């Protein structure tokens, strides 16, 4: 699971770097951008890169959330299975409160 998170994070960082490079290029050439009316082109490129980045962030968070759910419910399921097995093994093993 950790390997999967690292793999997704590497992809996400690459996409974030691409988005930052686009914004940096636009800001460095702001006069040319404004003069030639390239704002819409840069805006669409940034939006597309951000969309890909958010897709990877959602995927990474889904894997992380699944990991947390498994970590929380594993002890509960193990305890339940242990007590159920104890009670079902013999009729003499009755648990009372």
Protein backbone atom coordinates (compact mmCIF):
# COMPACT_ATOMS: atom_id res chain seq x y z
CA UNK A 1 0.00 0.00 0.00
CA UNK A 2 2.80 2.40 0.86
CA UNK A 3 4.44 1.64 -2.47
CA UNK A 4 1.19 2.50 -4.26
CA UNK A 5 0.94 5.82 -2.39
CA UNK A 6 4.55 6.68 -3.26
CA UNK A 7 3.96 5.79 -6.91
CA UNK A 8 0.87 8.03 -7.08
CA UNK A 9 2.66 10.84 -5.24
CA UNK A 10 5.53 10.79 -7.74
CA UNK A 11 3.07 11.18 -10.61
CA UNK A 12 1.27 13.97 -8.75
CA UNK A 13 4.50 15.86 -8.10
CA UNK A 14 5.43 15.63 -11.79
CA UNK A 15 2.04 17.08 -12.78
CA UNK A 16 2.31 19.82 -10.14
CA UNK A 17 5.77 20.73 -11.45
CA UNK A 18 4.37 20.96 -14.97
CA UNK A 19 1.61 23.29 -13.76
CA UNK A 20 4.11 25.47 -11.90
CA UNK A 21 6.34 25.66 -14.97
CA UNK A 22 3.37 26.85 -17.06
CA UNK A 23 2.52 29.57 -14.55
CA UNK A 24 6.17 30.61 -14.23
CA UNK A 25 6.54 30.85 -18.01
CA UNK A 26 3.42 32.97 -18.22
CA UNK A 27 4.56 35.30 -15.45
CA UNK A 28 8.04 35.70 -16.91
CA UNK A 29 6.58 36.67 -20.26
CA UNK A 30 3.60 38.62 -18.93
CA UNK A 31 4.07 41.48 -21.41
CA UNK A 32 4.05 39.10 -24.37
CA UNK A 33 1.13 37.19 -22.86
CA UNK A 34 -0.94 40.36 -22.48
CA UNK A 35 0.14 41.85 -25.80
CA UNK A 36 -0.81 38.75 -27.81
CA UNK A 37 -3.88 37.90 -25.73
CA UNK A 38 -2.56 34.48 -24.65
CA UNK A 39 -4.32 34.54 -21.27
CA UNK A 40 -6.99 32.08 -22.36
CA UNK A 41 -4.44 29.61 -23.70
CA UNK A 42 -2.42 29.72 -20.49
CA UNK A 43 -5.55 29.52 -18.38
CA UNK A 44 -6.74 26.39 -20.20
CA UNK A 45 -3.28 24.77 -19.92
CA UNK A 46 -3.13 25.51 -16.19
CA UNK A 47 -6.71 24.29 -15.66
CA UNK A 48 -5.98 21.04 -17.52
CA UNK A 49 -2.79 20.44 -15.51
CA UNK A 50 -4.65 21.22 -12.28
CA UNK A 51 -7.42 18.81 -13.26
CA UNK A 52 -4.87 16.00 -13.75
CA UNK A 53 -3.21 16.93 -10.46
CA UNK A 54 -6.52 16.84 -8.56
CA UNK A 55 -7.34 13.45 -10.09
CA UNK A 56 -4.07 12.06 -8.72
CA UNK A 57 -4.64 13.72 -5.34
CA UNK A 58 -8.08 12.08 -5.09
CA UNK A 59 -6.57 8.71 -6.01
CA UNK A 60 -3.80 9.11 -3.43
CA UNK A 61 -6.27 10.12 -0.72
CA UNK A 62 -8.54 7.17 -1.58
CA UNK A 63 -5.69 4.71 -1.09
CA UNK A 64 -4.70 6.47 2.15
CA UNK A 65 -8.31 6.39 3.40
CA UNK A 66 -8.65 2.70 2.62
CA UNK A 67 -5.44 2.05 4.55
CA UNK A 68 -6.80 3.91 7.58
CA UNK A 69 -10.11 2.06 7.45
CA UNK A 70 -8.30 -1.27 7.36
CA UNK A 71 -6.08 -0.22 10.28
CA UNK A 72 -9.07 0.81 12.39
CA UNK A 73 -11.36 -2.14 11.67
CA UNK A 74 -8.79 -4.95 11.79
CA UNK A 75 -8.57 -5.03 15.62
CA UNK A 76 -12.36 -4.83 15.94
CA UNK A 77 -12.90 -7.74 13.54
CA UNK A 78 -10.14 -9.76 15.22
CA UNK A 79 -11.68 -9.19 18.67
CA UNK A 80 -15.13 -10.14 17.43
CA UNK A 81 -13.80 -13.28 15.76
CA UNK A 82 -11.92 -14.26 18.92
CA UNK A 83 -14.94 -13.87 21.20
CA UNK A 84 -17.26 -15.56 18.72
CA UNK A 85 -14.90 -18.50 18.40
CA UNK A 86 -14.59 -18.75 22.20
CA UNK A 87 -18.37 -18.83 22.65
CA UNK A 88 -19.06 -21.20 19.74
CA UNK A 89 -16.36 -23.74 20.62
CA UNK A 90 -18.19 -25.06 23.65
CA UNK A 91 -21.55 -24.52 25.28
CA UNK A 92 -19.77 -24.10 28.62
CA UNK A 93 -18.08 -20.94 27.36
CA UNK A 94 -20.87 -18.45 27.95
CA UNK A 95 -19.95 -14.84 28.35
CA UNK A 96 -22.07 -12.84 30.78
CA UNK A 97 -21.92 -9.17 31.45
